[in-house]
Each structure stands twice: as C-alpha cells, then as structure tokens.
Amino acid sequence: MLVTEFSTDVVEAPDRFALWEESTSRSHMRNRLRSNDQNDFRAKLRSVGLGEVAVSALACPHLEIVRTAKLIRQSDPEAYLITCFLRAEGVISLGGGDTALRDGDLVVLDSSRPFRGDVHPGAGGWSHVTVQFPRGLLPLPEKTVLPLLAVPISGRQGIGGVFIRWLSDLHARAYEFTPADIPTLAAVTLDLLASVIARCLRVEETLCPEARRSALRAEIDAFVEQHLADPAMTPRTIADAHHISLRHLQQLLAEDDTSPAAWIRHRRLERCRFDLANPLLNARPIQAIAARWGFTDPAHFSRLFRAAYGISPRDFRNLRAEACANRQQRCAN
C-alpha cells in the first residue's frame, strides 16, 4: 500500500502515547519521546510510502523528540529527516545550539547526529510533514549538506515554497496514486529537495543536469497547479515566471510527450473530473466547476471533456453518483 493511516483514537486515553511511541518507531527512526499531553495523546499520521522515501503528515499535541548517541549506536538508518512546519512552532537543538522554528519553516536533520526537537503544534489540520530517506539517495554530497543541518529554511516563498506545496499536494492526492507512480514521485521529491538545499547554499552547480531539470519541472508543475483557475495562464506566462524561453519550456514538456498548452488543459480537466466525482459538490452547476478551473466556454469545456474521457461531464457525474451509491467505487472525500 502507498498510503497508511494511523490514529491513537483506536485505544483508550492512557494507552495512546505508548501506541504512538511504538508505531512511530517503526515508521520513522527510533527516538526518545515525551509530551505534556501523555495522559491523553490524541494524534494521527498519514504516511505515503515511495520505496525508500517515506513522506508522513502528522497531527499531534506537544511533542519532544530526542535522538541520543545511545540510540544511534543501537540503530542508525543513516538517513536524512526533513521536517516541514505547517501549523507548528518549536526549537531544534543540535551541537549545543538552539534554533527557533515557525510555520512555513523546513529543517534538515541527520539520523547519525544527536538532536533534540520540541514541537508545539497549532490547532486544526496537519501540524507538520516529514520526509525520511537514506542519505545516499540525495544527489548532493554529505559534506555539502552538513552546514545546513538544523538551520531553518523558508518554505514560505521561492523554491522552498514549491517544495512544501509539492508535499502538501502529494498528501492531498495520496489515494490517486498507484505503485507505478512511485519512482516518479520519489525522484521529484528528492530532486526538488536537493534544489532547495543547493539554492540555500548557493551550490546549484553541484547538482547533475538531470536533478536540475527535474527540480525545474517540479517547480513548473507546482506553478501550473497554483494558477489553474486563472484563464489568463498561458505557456508564455509560465516560461516568463521561471525565467526560461518558451522553446525551453516546450522541450522540457516534450520529454513527457506533451506540450505546455496540452499539459495545462490536461491538469484543468483532471481538476474538473475530480470535482464532478465529489458528491459534496453535486449541487454545484457543471458550468461553475468548469469556470473554477479556467474553462470560460461551457460548450468548449464539454467537447474537451468528452474528447479526453469519452463521456460528457453530466453523464460522468451521474455515473459516479450511481457507483458511489452502490458502493462499487471509493467515493471522493
């Protein structure tokens, strides 16, 4: 399974923290944990397994995480752990120094080096996302990454923002993926992270051309997803936003046998298809859903949808509603 869901609500309050310790020691590197809410530790975790890359979203109360030298000697996966703060603040301690972190910050840690983290999540939703993988998978030398350990990286703008949006979208669409998607998802995650680190250290030239190209493609994909609702988004605006020529953009997408215009159209149609399958949106007119994703001409949208999926938007919505009622398919959330 690509997606694993877990909640401490499956046991009684006194047993919840122990269950969390046991479960996260299997899904993540083993650490010493403590919480101000140990008497009733209500937490949940959603993990997306991408081969050797694990991406997990967590929602929990206060949590202190300590990686000790003794635990390292007992078991060391020789991995990087990247934590992205979504609705949380805290302090990371490494080598005797303390670093404050807040919403939108990213931080890189190494399983082979002792550290302490004290995290205070905010209310509602996922508090933070973690990415864990063997160090050898990152296309950057360890000595290059070392100066950035426990240093806050902004995920509120630039390439750091693209990385956080990528992880958020990956989790939002977790159940749409299949095992065949794993290599691509893992590669984009690692290459985009490498680009974030390289940009912070001003060593982009150390990345191989493939990693730079993959990171650029991920950045473009994130930009397209963010602006799908804007009918004015064109291949030219995408190229200009990334300081590349229109020809360069065309060549980049040609590697996937598509064009910029076709890619934009495909992503908009996919968003429309997802909304049409959502029973919570059954009262919303099809024209309104099309307009939300940049299709201003209802007749043109209907022709494009039928050409792509072999069925009209209305018939697709009706079929999905019937299948959902009969429990023949997973209903959209």
C-alpha atoms as a PDB file:
ATOM      1  CA  MET A   1       0.000   0.000   0.000  1.00  0.00           C
ATOM      2  CA  LEU A   2       1.183   3.512  -0.803  1.00  0.00           C
ATOM      3  CA  VAL A   3      -0.864   5.121   1.968  1.00  0.00           C
ATOM      4  CA  THR A   4      -1.013   4.141   5.630  1.00  0.00           C
ATOM      5  CA  GLU A   5      -3.339   5.906   8.069  1.00  0.00           C
ATOM      6  CA  PHE A   6      -2.971   5.684  11.832  1.00  0.00           C
ATOM      7  CA  SER A   7      -4.710   7.305  14.822  1.00  0.00           C
ATOM      8  CA  THR A   8      -4.241   6.879  18.556  1.00  0.00           C
ATOM      9  CA  ASP A   9      -8.022   7.073  18.987  1.00  0.00           C
ATOM     10  CA  VAL A  10      -8.169   3.296  18.462  1.00  0.00           C
ATOM     11  CA  VAL A  11      -7.149   2.757  22.108  1.00  0.00           C
ATOM     12  CA  GLU A  12      -8.161   4.250  25.451  1.00  0.00           C
ATOM     13  CA  ALA A  13      -6.601   7.525  26.633  1.00  0.00           C
ATOM     14  CA  PRO A  14      -3.954   6.017  28.999  1.00  0.00           C
ATOM     15  CA  ASP A  15      -2.559   3.824  26.217  1.00  0.00           C
ATOM     16  CA  ARG A  16      -2.404   6.392  23.411  1.00  0.00           C
ATOM     17  CA  PHE A  17       1.094   7.756  23.971  1.00  0.00           C
ATOM     18  CA  ALA A  18       2.651   4.287  24.229  1.00  0.00           C
ATOM     19  CA  LEU A  19       0.926   3.300  20.996  1.00  0.00           C
ATOM     20  CA  TRP A  20       2.305   6.425  19.297  1.00  0.00           C
ATOM     21  CA  GLU A  21       5.842   5.626  20.502  1.00  0.00           C
ATOM     22  CA  GLU A  22       5.611   2.076  19.212  1.00  0.00           C
ATOM     23  CA  SER A  23       4.103   2.997  15.839  1.00  0.00           C
ATOM     24  CA  THR A  24       6.410   5.912  15.012  1.00  0.00           C
ATOM     25  CA  SER A  25       9.498   3.922  15.997  1.00  0.00           C
ATOM     26  CA  ARG A  26       8.574   1.572  13.140  1.00  0.00           C
ATOM     27  CA  SER A  27       7.645   4.235  10.584  1.00  0.00           C
ATOM     28  CA  HIS A  28      10.468   6.663  11.466  1.00  0.00           C
ATOM     29  CA  MET A  29      13.886   6.449  13.083  1.00  0.00           C
ATOM     30  CA  ARG A  30      13.741   5.433  16.756  1.00  0.00           C
ATOM     31  CA  ASN A  31      13.826   8.391  19.165  1.00  0.00           C
ATOM     32  CA  ARG A  32      13.051   9.111  22.797  1.00  0.00           C
ATOM     33  CA  LEU A  33       9.678  10.839  23.076  1.00  0.00           C
ATOM     34  CA  ARG A  34       7.958  12.922  25.747  1.00  0.00           C
ATOM     35  CA  SER A  35       4.797  15.041  25.736  1.00  0.00           C
ATOM     36  CA  ASN A  36       2.943  17.403  28.029  1.00  0.00           C
ATOM     37  CA  ASP A  37      -0.169  15.526  26.902  1.00  0.00           C
ATOM     38  CA  GLN A  38       0.938  11.957  27.607  1.00  0.00           C
ATOM     39  CA  ASN A  39      -2.190  11.205  29.661  1.00  0.00           C
ATOM     40  CA  ASP A  40      -4.397  11.580  26.588  1.00  0.00           C
ATOM     41  CA  PHE A  41      -2.219  11.811  23.483  1.00  0.00           C
ATOM     42  CA  ARG A  42      -4.602  12.318  20.572  1.00  0.00           C
ATOM     43  CA  ALA A  43      -2.617  12.092  17.348  1.00  0.00           C
ATOM     44  CA  LYS A  44      -2.848  10.844  13.776  1.00  0.00           C
ATOM     45  CA  LEU A  45      -0.417  10.090  10.997  1.00  0.00           C
ATOM     46  CA  ARG A  46      -0.724   9.567   7.253  1.00  0.00           C
ATOM     47  CA  SER A  47       2.310   8.050   5.566  1.00  0.00           C
ATOM     48  CA  VAL A  48       2.902   7.773   1.824  1.00  0.00           C
ATOM     49  CA  GLY A  49       5.490   5.090   1.036  1.00  0.00           C
ATOM     50  CA  LEU A  50       7.587   5.862  -2.038  1.00  0.00           C
ATOM     51  CA  GLY A  51      10.028   2.983  -1.917  1.00  0.00           C
ATOM     52  CA  GLU A  52      12.936   4.118   0.276  1.00  0.00           C
ATOM     53  CA  VAL A  53      11.377   7.579   0.635  1.00  0.00           C
ATOM     54  CA  ALA A  54       8.695   7.964   3.321  1.00  0.00           C
ATOM     55  CA  VAL A  55       6.559  11.107   3.403  1.00  0.00           C
ATOM     56  CA  SER A  56       4.389  11.471   6.501  1.00  0.00           C
ATOM     57  CA  ALA A  57       1.897  14.088   7.637  1.00  0.00           C
ATOM     58  CA  LEU A  58       1.393  14.320  11.399  1.00  0.00           C
ATOM     59  CA  ALA A  59      -1.183  15.945  13.653  1.00  0.00           C
ATOM     60  CA  CYS A  60      -0.380  15.732  17.355  1.00  0.00           C
ATOM     61  CA  PRO A  61      -0.177  17.779  20.557  1.00  0.00           C
ATOM     62  CA  HIS A  62       3.094  18.913  22.141  1.00  0.00           C
ATOM     63  CA  LEU A  63       5.933  16.511  21.465  1.00  0.00           C
ATOM     64  CA  GLU A  64       9.593  16.413  22.478  1.00  0.00           C
ATOM     65  CA  ILE A  65      11.835  14.238  20.273  1.00  0.00           C
ATOM     66  CA  VAL A  66      15.347  13.316  21.387  1.00  0.00           C
ATOM     67  CA  ARG A  67      17.820  11.398  19.237  1.00  0.00           C
ATOM     68  CA  THR A  68      20.553  10.254  21.618  1.00  0.00           C
ATOM     69  CA  ALA A  69      24.042   8.900  20.967  1.00  0.00           C
ATOM     70  CA  LYS A  70      22.945   5.627  22.595  1.00  0.00           C
ATOM     71  CA  LEU A  71      20.017   5.241  20.186  1.00  0.00           C
ATOM     72  CA  ILE A  72      22.331   5.976  17.267  1.00  0.00           C
ATOM     73  CA  ARG A  73      24.709   3.216  18.383  1.00  0.00           C
ATOM     74  CA  GLN A  74      21.803   0.789  18.745  1.00  0.00           C
ATOM     75  CA  SER A  75      20.265   1.508  15.346  1.00  0.00           C
ATOM     76  CA  ASP A  76      21.106   4.057  12.695  1.00  0.00           C
ATOM     77  CA  PRO A  77      19.330   4.070   9.315  1.00  0.00           C
ATOM     78  CA  GLU A  78      21.897   6.643   8.075  1.00  0.00           C
ATOM     79  CA  ALA A  79      19.058   8.789   6.867  1.00  0.00           C
ATOM     80  CA  TYR A  80      18.074  12.408   6.453  1.00  0.00           C
ATOM     81  CA  LEU A  81      14.910  13.607   8.167  1.00  0.00           C
ATOM     82  CA  ILE A  82      13.314  16.750   6.766  1.00  0.00           C
ATOM     83  CA  THR A  83      10.549  18.365   8.810  1.00  0.00           C
ATOM     84  CA  CYS A  84       8.247  20.982   7.294  1.00  0.00           C
ATOM     85  CA  PHE A  85       6.288  23.040   9.839  1.00  0.00           C
ATOM     86  CA  LEU A  86       2.731  23.720   8.621  1.00  0.00           C
ATOM     87  CA  ARG A  87       0.878  24.719  11.790  1.00  0.00           C
ATOM     88  CA  ALA A  88       3.517  24.478  14.470  1.00  0.00           C
ATOM     89  CA  GLU A  89       6.432  26.189  16.145  1.00  0.00           C
ATOM     90  CA  GLY A  90       9.328  24.781  18.092  1.00  0.00           C
ATOM     91  CA  VAL A  91      13.024  24.569  18.847  1.00  0.00           C
ATOM     92  CA  ILE A  92      15.652  22.277  17.345  1.00  0.00           C
ATOM     93  CA  SER A  93      18.873  21.711  19.310  1.00  0.00           C
ATOM     94  CA  LEU A  94      21.975  20.345  17.592  1.00  0.00           C
ATOM     95  CA  GLY A  95      25.583  20.528  18.758  1.00  0.00           C
ATOM     96  CA  GLY A  96      24.744  22.728  21.722  1.00  0.00           C
ATOM     97  CA  GLY A  97      22.881  25.386  19.738  1.00  0.00           C
ATOM     98  CA  ASP A  98      19.142  26.088  19.720  1.00  0.00           C
ATOM     99  CA  THR A  99      17.208  27.129  16.622  1.00  0.00           C
ATOM    100  CA  ALA A 100      13.657  28.509  16.711  1.00  0.00           C
ATOM    101  CA  LEU A 101      11.249  27.334  14.003  1.00  0.00           C
ATOM    102  CA  ARG A 102       7.781  28.511  12.972  1.00  0.00           C
ATOM    103  CA  ASP A 103       5.025  27.958  10.419  1.00  0.00           C
ATOM    104  CA  GLY A 104       6.461  27.573   6.926  1.00  0.00           C
ATOM    105  CA  ASP A 105       9.990  26.596   8.023  1.00  0.00           C
ATOM    106  CA  LEU A 106      11.860  23.494   6.844  1.00  0.00           C
ATOM    107  CA  VAL A 107      14.711  21.874   8.734  1.00  0.00           C
ATOM    108  CA  VAL A 108      17.117  19.064   7.785  1.00  0.00           C
ATOM    109  CA  LEU A 109      18.392  16.559  10.387  1.00  0.00           C
ATOM    110  CA  ASP A 110      20.731  13.572  10.173  1.00  0.00           C
ATOM    111  CA  SER A 111      19.973  10.275  11.933  1.00  0.00           C
ATOM    112  CA  SER A 112      23.692   9.844  12.714  1.00  0.00           C
ATOM    113  CA  ARG A 113      23.881  13.055  14.789  1.00  0.00           C
ATOM    114  CA  PRO A 114      22.181  13.545  18.177  1.00  0.00           C
ATOM    115  CA  PHE A 115      19.476  16.213  18.258  1.00  0.00           C
ATOM    116  CA  ARG A 116      16.522  17.382  20.299  1.00  0.00           C
ATOM    117  CA  GLY A 117      13.282  18.823  18.977  1.00  0.00           C
ATOM    118  CA  ASP A 118      10.490  20.462  20.951  1.00  0.00           C
ATOM    119  CA  VAL A 119       7.374  20.956  18.815  1.00  0.00           C
ATOM    120  CA  HIS A 120       4.219  22.858  19.785  1.00  0.00           C
ATOM    121  CA  PRO A 121       1.578  22.359  17.059  1.00  0.00           C
ATOM    122  CA  GLY A 122      -1.248  24.789  16.433  1.00  0.00           C
ATOM    123  CA  ALA A 123      -4.895  23.830  16.339  1.00  0.00           C
ATOM    124  CA  GLY A 124      -6.521  22.056  13.410  1.00  0.00           C
ATOM    125  CA  GLY A 125      -5.196  20.085  10.460  1.00  0.00           C
ATOM    126  CA  TRP A 126      -1.801  18.550   9.895  1.00  0.00           C
ATOM    127  CA  SER A 127       0.860  20.231  12.026  1.00  0.00           C
ATOM    128  CA  HIS A 128       3.937  19.128  10.095  1.00  0.00           C
ATOM    129  CA  VAL A 129       5.183  16.868   7.314  1.00  0.00           C
ATOM    130  CA  THR A 130       8.333  14.752   7.471  1.00  0.00           C
ATOM    131  CA  VAL A 131      10.398  13.181   4.711  1.00  0.00           C
ATOM    132  CA  GLN A 132      12.837  10.395   5.618  1.00  0.00           C
ATOM    133  CA  PHE A 133      15.201   8.564   3.250  1.00  0.00           C
ATOM    134  CA  PRO A 134      18.752   7.109   3.161  1.00  0.00           C
ATOM    135  CA  ARG A 135      21.406   9.820   2.813  1.00  0.00           C
ATOM    136  CA  GLY A 136      22.830   8.205  -0.304  1.00  0.00           C
ATOM    137  CA  LEU A 137      19.643   8.960  -2.249  1.00  0.00           C
ATOM    138  CA  LEU A 138      20.133  12.721  -2.104  1.00  0.00           C
ATOM    139  CA  PRO A 139      22.098  13.921  -5.178  1.00  0.00           C
ATOM    140  CA  LEU A 140      24.368  16.077  -3.003  1.00  0.00           C
ATOM    141  CA  PRO A 141      27.499  15.104  -1.043  1.00  0.00           C
ATOM    142  CA  GLU A 142      27.096  14.796   2.724  1.00  0.00           C
ATOM    143  CA  LYS A 143      29.770  17.459   3.318  1.00  0.00           C
ATOM    144  CA  THR A 144      27.683  19.847   1.237  1.00  0.00           C
ATOM    145  CA  VAL A 145      24.556  19.265   3.343  1.00  0.00           C
ATOM    146  CA  LEU A 146      26.361  19.373   6.724  1.00  0.00           C
ATOM    147  CA  PRO A 147      26.372  23.197   7.169  1.00  0.00           C
ATOM    148  CA  LEU A 148      22.609  23.283   6.696  1.00  0.00           C
ATOM    149  CA  LEU A 149      21.688  20.771   9.425  1.00  0.00           C
ATOM    150  CA  ALA A 150      19.210  22.282  11.931  1.00  0.00           C
ATOM    151  CA  VAL A 151      19.240  25.588  10.021  1.00  0.00           C
ATOM    152  CA  PRO A 152      15.753  26.991   9.262  1.00  0.00           C
ATOM    153  CA  ILE A 153      14.910  27.115   5.553  1.00  0.00           C
ATOM    154  CA  SER A 154      11.973  29.242   4.479  1.00  0.00           C
ATOM    155  CA  GLY A 155       9.155  27.369   2.815  1.00  0.00           C
ATOM    156  CA  ARG A 156       7.019  30.485   2.542  1.00  0.00           C
ATOM    157  CA  GLN A 157       8.402  31.568  -0.809  1.00  0.00           C
ATOM    158  CA  GLY A 158      10.703  30.573  -3.651  1.00  0.00           C
ATOM    159  CA  ILE A 159      11.855  27.018  -4.197  1.00  0.00           C
ATOM    160  CA  GLY A 160      11.205  26.195  -0.514  1.00  0.00           C
ATOM    161  CA  GLY A 161       7.578  27.184  -1.036  1.00  0.00           C
ATOM    162  CA  VAL A 162       7.407  24.958  -4.093  1.00  0.00           C
ATOM    163  CA  PHE A 163       8.742  22.045  -2.036  1.00  0.00           C
ATOM    164  CA  ILE A 164       6.130  22.471   0.708  1.00  0.00           C
ATOM    165  CA  ARG A 165       3.342  22.825  -1.866  1.00  0.00           C
ATOM    166  CA  TRP A 166       4.597  19.650  -3.557  1.00  0.00           C
ATOM    167  CA  LEU A 167       4.437  17.711  -0.270  1.00  0.00           C
ATOM    168  CA  SER A 168       1.007  19.149   0.568  1.00  0.00           C
ATOM    169  CA  ASP A 169      -0.354  18.222  -2.856  1.00  0.00           C
ATOM    170  CA  LEU A 170       1.220  14.767  -2.646  1.00  0.00           C
ATOM    171  CA  HIS A 171      -0.704  14.122   0.567  1.00  0.00           C
ATOM    172  CA  ALA A 172      -3.925  15.686  -0.691  1.00  0.00           C
ATOM    173  CA  ARG A 173      -3.840  13.339  -3.709  1.00  0.00           C
ATOM    174  CA  ALA A 174      -2.339  10.357  -1.904  1.00  0.00           C
ATOM    175  CA  TYR A 175      -5.150   7.948  -2.811  1.00  0.00           C
ATOM    176  CA  GLU A 176      -4.986   8.847  -6.501  1.00  0.00           C
ATOM    177  CA  PHE A 177      -1.531   7.295  -6.979  1.00  0.00           C
ATOM    178  CA  THR A 178      -0.646   3.743  -7.972  1.00  0.00           C
ATOM    179  CA  PRO A 179       2.556   1.715  -7.436  1.00  0.00           C
ATOM    180  CA  ALA A 180       3.596   2.670 -10.969  1.00  0.00           C
ATOM    181  CA  ASP A 181       3.824   6.309  -9.814  1.00  0.00           C
ATOM    182  CA  ILE A 182       6.324   5.590  -7.011  1.00  0.00           C
ATOM    183  CA  PRO A 183       9.597   6.067  -8.972  1.00  0.00           C
ATOM    184  CA  THR A 184       8.466   9.415 -10.389  1.00  0.00           C
ATOM    185  CA  LEU A 185       7.100  10.731  -7.083  1.00  0.00           C
ATOM    186  CA  ALA A 186      10.245   9.716  -5.189  1.00  0.00           C
ATOM    187  CA  ALA A 187      12.574  11.191  -7.830  1.00  0.00           C
ATOM    188  CA  VAL A 188      10.759  14.529  -7.942  1.00  0.00           C
ATOM    189  CA  THR A 189      10.686  14.738  -4.133  1.00  0.00           C
ATOM    190  CA  LEU A 190      14.428  14.125  -3.846  1.00  0.00           C
ATOM    191  CA  ASP A 191      15.435  16.358  -6.753  1.00  0.00           C
ATOM    192  CA  LEU A 192      13.251  19.211  -5.538  1.00  0.00           C
ATOM    193  CA  LEU A 193      14.673  18.899  -2.019  1.00  0.00           C
ATOM    194  CA  ALA A 194      18.208  18.865  -3.438  1.00  0.00           C
ATOM    195  CA  SER A 195      17.408  22.053  -5.307  1.00  0.00           C
ATOM    196  CA  VAL A 196      16.123  23.688  -2.095  1.00  0.00           C
ATOM    197  CA  ILE A 197      19.330  22.795  -0.255  1.00  0.00           C
ATOM    198  CA  ALA A 198      21.566  23.775  -3.151  1.00  0.00           C
ATOM    199  CA  ARG A 199      19.823  27.127  -3.512  1.00  0.00           C
ATOM    200  CA  CYS A 200      20.290  27.844   0.196  1.00  0.00           C
ATOM    201  CA  LEU A 201      23.992  27.028  -0.015  1.00  0.00           C
ATOM    202  CA  ARG A 202      24.419  28.626  -3.457  1.00  0.00           C
ATOM    203  CA  VAL A 203      25.809  25.402  -4.875  1.00  0.00           C
ATOM    204  CA  GLU A 204      23.276  24.660  -7.625  1.00  0.00           C
ATOM    205  CA  GLU A 205      26.202  23.806  -9.895  1.00  0.00           C
ATOM    206  CA  THR A 206      26.879  20.689  -7.806  1.00  0.00           C
ATOM    207  CA  LEU A 207      23.584  19.184  -8.970  1.00  0.00           C
ATOM    208  CA  CYS A 208      23.672  16.981 -12.019  1.00  0.00           C
ATOM    209  CA  PRO A 209      21.748  18.237 -15.073  1.00  0.00           C
ATOM    210  CA  GLU A 210      19.064  15.589 -14.537  1.00  0.00           C
ATOM    211  CA  ALA A 211      18.407  16.788 -10.978  1.00  0.00           C
ATOM    212  CA  ARG A 212      18.265  20.438 -12.063  1.00  0.00           C
ATOM    213  CA  ARG A 213      15.881  19.574 -14.871  1.00  0.00           C
ATOM    214  CA  SER A 214      13.670  17.501 -12.590  1.00  0.00           C
ATOM    215  CA  ALA A 215      13.580  20.285  -9.987  1.00  0.00           C
ATOM    216  CA  LEU A 216      12.668  22.850 -12.650  1.00  0.00           C
ATOM    217  CA  ARG A 217       9.896  20.589 -13.922  1.00  0.00           C
ATOM    218  CA  ALA A 218       8.539  20.177 -10.381  1.00  0.00           C
ATOM    219  CA  GLU A 219       8.648  23.945  -9.907  1.00  0.00           C
ATOM    220  CA  ILE A 220       6.735  24.444 -13.161  1.00  0.00           C
ATOM    221  CA  ASP A 221       4.181  21.782 -12.203  1.00  0.00           C
ATOM    222  CA  ALA A 222       3.602  23.498  -8.850  1.00  0.00           C
ATOM    223  CA  PHE A 223       3.192  26.876 -10.583  1.00  0.00           C
ATOM    224  CA  VAL A 224       0.662  25.414 -13.021  1.00  0.00           C
ATOM    225  CA  GLU A 225      -1.353  23.790 -10.200  1.00  0.00           C
ATOM    226  CA  GLN A 226      -1.381  27.061  -8.286  1.00  0.00           C
ATOM    227  CA  HIS A 227      -2.677  29.069 -11.269  1.00  0.00           C
ATOM    228  CA  LEU A 228      -5.060  26.568 -12.888  1.00  0.00           C
ATOM    229  CA  ALA A 229      -8.072  28.714 -12.017  1.00  0.00           C
ATOM    230  CA  ASP A 230      -6.634  31.688 -13.901  1.00  0.00           C
ATOM    231  CA  PRO A 231      -7.867  31.652 -17.526  1.00  0.00           C
ATOM    232  CA  ALA A 232      -5.032  34.048 -18.394  1.00  0.00           C
ATOM    233  CA  MET A 233      -2.328  31.472 -17.624  1.00  0.00           C
ATOM    234  CA  THR A 234      -0.549  30.596 -20.866  1.00  0.00           C
ATOM    235  CA  PRO A 235       2.673  28.818 -21.841  1.00  0.00           C
ATOM    236  CA  ARG A 236       4.287  32.246 -22.198  1.00  0.00           C
ATOM    237  CA  THR A 237       3.369  33.314 -18.649  1.00  0.00           C
ATOM    238  CA  ILE A 238       4.756  30.026 -17.310  1.00  0.00           C
ATOM    239  CA  ALA A 239       8.037  30.460 -19.174  1.00  0.00           C
ATOM    240  CA  ASP A 240       8.372  34.086 -18.073  1.00  0.00           C
ATOM    241  CA  ALA A 241       7.674  33.189 -14.425  1.00  0.00           C
ATOM    242  CA  HIS A 242      10.588  30.725 -14.479  1.00  0.00           C
ATOM    243  CA  HIS A 243      12.973  32.898 -16.492  1.00  0.00           C
ATOM    244  CA  ILE A 244      13.253  30.451 -19.352  1.00  0.00           C
ATOM    245  CA  SER A 245      12.395  30.690 -23.025  1.00  0.00           C
ATOM    246  CA  LEU A 246       9.162  29.351 -24.440  1.00  0.00           C
ATOM    247  CA  ARG A 247      11.282  26.966 -26.500  1.00  0.00           C
ATOM    248  CA  HIS A 248      12.977  25.640 -23.345  1.00  0.00           C
ATOM    249  CA  LEU A 249       9.568  25.046 -21.760  1.00  0.00           C
ATOM    250  CA  GLN A 250       8.390  23.206 -24.862  1.00  0.00           C
ATOM    251  CA  GLN A 251      11.485  20.992 -24.855  1.00  0.00           C
ATOM    252  CA  LEU A 252      11.068  20.218 -21.162  1.00  0.00           C
ATOM    253  CA  LEU A 253       7.482  19.017 -21.608  1.00  0.00           C
ATOM    254  CA  ALA A 254       8.278  17.246 -24.877  1.00  0.00           C
ATOM    255  CA  GLU A 255      10.241  14.734 -22.772  1.00  0.00           C
ATOM    256  CA  ASP A 256       6.832  13.581 -21.490  1.00  0.00           C
ATOM    257  CA  ASP A 257       5.302  13.628 -24.979  1.00  0.00           C
ATOM    258  CA  THR A 258       3.166  16.679 -24.302  1.00  0.00           C
ATOM    259  CA  SER A 259       3.134  20.414 -24.927  1.00  0.00           C
ATOM    260  CA  PRO A 260       2.635  23.322 -22.492  1.00  0.00           C
ATOM    261  CA  ALA A 261      -0.894  24.015 -23.754  1.00  0.00           C
ATOM    262  CA  ALA A 262      -1.851  20.331 -23.647  1.00  0.00           C
ATOM    263  CA  TRP A 263      -0.434  19.972 -20.123  1.00  0.00           C
ATOM    264  CA  ILE A 264      -2.404  22.973 -18.845  1.00  0.00           C
ATOM    265  CA  ARG A 265      -5.578  21.621 -20.459  1.00  0.00           C
ATOM    266  CA  HIS A 266      -4.980  18.137 -19.000  1.00  0.00           C
ATOM    267  CA  ARG A 267      -4.482  19.420 -15.458  1.00  0.00           C
ATOM    268  CA  ARG A 268      -7.601  21.602 -15.671  1.00  0.00           C
ATOM    269  CA  LEU A 269      -9.671  18.703 -16.959  1.00  0.00           C
ATOM    270  CA  GLU A 270      -8.365  16.464 -14.174  1.00  0.00           C
ATOM    271  CA  ARG A 271      -9.408  19.008 -11.550  1.00  0.00           C
ATOM    272  CA  CYS A 272     -12.859  19.250 -13.134  1.00  0.00           C
ATOM    273  CA  ARG A 273     -13.150  15.461 -13.250  1.00  0.00           C
ATOM    274  CA  PHE A 274     -12.214  15.211  -9.569  1.00  0.00           C
ATOM    275  CA  ASP A 275     -14.811  17.845  -8.596  1.00  0.00           C
ATOM    276  CA  LEU A 276     -17.504  16.195 -10.697  1.00  0.00           C
ATOM    277  CA  ALA A 277     -16.861  12.926  -8.846  1.00  0.00           C
ATOM    278  CA  ASN A 278     -17.184  14.615  -5.460  1.00  0.00           C
ATOM    279  CA  PRO A 279     -20.702  14.032  -4.027  1.00  0.00           C
ATOM    280  CA  LEU A 280     -20.277  17.106  -1.809  1.00  0.00           C
ATOM    281  CA  LEU A 281     -20.294  19.235  -4.973  1.00  0.00           C
ATOM    282  CA  ASN A 282     -23.368  17.667  -6.612  1.00  0.00           C
ATOM    283  CA  ALA A 283     -25.367  20.878  -6.142  1.00  0.00           C
ATOM    284  CA  ARG A 284     -22.751  22.984  -7.885  1.00  0.00           C
ATOM    285  CA  PRO A 285     -23.526  23.549 -11.587  1.00  0.00           C
ATOM    286  CA  ILE A 286     -21.161  21.907 -14.051  1.00  0.00           C
ATOM    287  CA  GLN A 287     -20.583  25.297 -15.666  1.00  0.00           C
ATOM    288  CA  ALA A 288     -19.440  26.699 -12.310  1.00  0.00           C
ATOM    289  CA  ILE A 289     -16.978  23.820 -11.836  1.00  0.00           C
ATOM    290  CA  ALA A 290     -15.592  24.367 -15.343  1.00  0.00           C
ATOM    291  CA  ALA A 291     -15.225  28.105 -14.746  1.00  0.00           C
ATOM    292  CA  ARG A 292     -13.482  27.485 -11.435  1.00  0.00           C
ATOM    293  CA  TRP A 293     -10.689  25.731 -13.323  1.00  0.00           C
ATOM    294  CA  GLY A 294     -10.282  28.192 -16.160  1.00  0.00           C
ATOM    295  CA  PHE A 295     -12.834  26.977 -18.729  1.00  0.00           C
ATOM    296  CA  THR A 296     -14.953  30.024 -19.565  1.00  0.00           C
ATOM    297  CA  ASP A 297     -16.849  28.497 -22.504  1.00  0.00           C
ATOM    298  CA  PRO A 298     -19.238  25.699 -21.342  1.00  0.00           C
ATOM    299  CA  ALA A 299     -19.660  24.179 -24.803  1.00  0.00           C
ATOM    300  CA  HIS A 300     -15.903  24.130 -25.412  1.00  0.00           C
ATOM    301  CA  PHE A 301     -15.363  22.534 -21.988  1.00  0.00           C
ATOM    302  CA  SER A 302     -17.946  19.825 -22.721  1.00  0.00           C
ATOM    303  CA  ARG A 303     -16.248  18.963 -26.038  1.00  0.00           C
ATOM    304  CA  LEU A 304     -12.806  18.804 -24.402  1.00  0.00           C
ATOM    305  CA  PHE A 305     -14.090  16.637 -21.538  1.00  0.00           C
ATOM    306  CA  ARG A 306     -15.776  14.187 -23.909  1.00  0.00           C
ATOM    307  CA  ALA A 307     -12.652  14.005 -26.080  1.00  0.00           C
ATOM    308  CA  ALA A 308     -10.484  13.255 -23.050  1.00  0.00           C
ATOM    309  CA  TYR A 309     -12.717  10.785 -21.176  1.00  0.00           C
ATOM    310  CA  GLY A 310     -15.189   9.504 -23.782  1.00  0.00           C
ATOM    311  CA  ILE A 311     -18.221  10.744 -21.866  1.00  0.00           C
ATOM    312  CA  SER A 312     -19.961  14.063 -21.283  1.00  0.00           C
ATOM    313  CA  PRO A 313     -19.413  15.892 -17.958  1.00  0.00           C
ATOM    314  CA  ARG A 314     -23.050  15.393 -16.974  1.00  0.00           C
ATOM    315  CA  ASP A 315     -23.055  11.671 -17.731  1.00  0.00           C
ATOM    316  CA  PHE A 316     -19.751  11.262 -15.881  1.00  0.00           C
ATOM    317  CA  ARG A 317     -21.177  12.942 -12.775  1.00  0.00           C
ATOM    318  CA  ASN A 318     -24.309  10.771 -12.903  1.00  0.00           C
ATOM    319  CA  LEU A 319     -22.344   7.532 -13.343  1.00  0.00           C
ATOM    320  CA  ARG A 320     -20.046   8.345 -10.430  1.00  0.00           C
ATOM    321  CA  ALA A 321     -23.030   9.212  -8.242  1.00  0.00           C
ATOM    322  CA  GLU A 322     -24.661   5.850  -9.057  1.00  0.00           C
ATOM    323  CA  ALA A 323     -21.439   3.922  -8.445  1.00  0.00           C
ATOM    324  CA  CYS A 324     -20.896   5.696  -5.150  1.00  0.00           C
ATOM    325  CA  ALA A 325     -24.480   4.950  -4.066  1.00  0.00           C
ATOM    326  CA  ASN A 326     -23.948   1.283  -4.915  1.00  0.00           C
ATOM    327  CA  ARG A 327     -20.558   1.292  -3.118  1.00  0.00           C
ATOM    328  CA  GLN A 328     -18.870  -0.010  -6.230  1.00  0.00           C
ATOM    329  CA  GLN A 329     -16.139   2.646  -6.067  1.00  0.00           C
ATOM    330  CA  ARG A 330     -14.397   4.741  -3.433  1.00  0.00           C
ATOM    331  CA  CYS A 331     -16.368   7.962  -3.064  1.00  0.00           C
ATOM    332  CA  ALA A 332     -14.474  11.228  -3.276  1.00  0.00           C
ATOM    333  CA  ASN A 333     -13.758  12.831   0.068  1.00  0.00           C
END
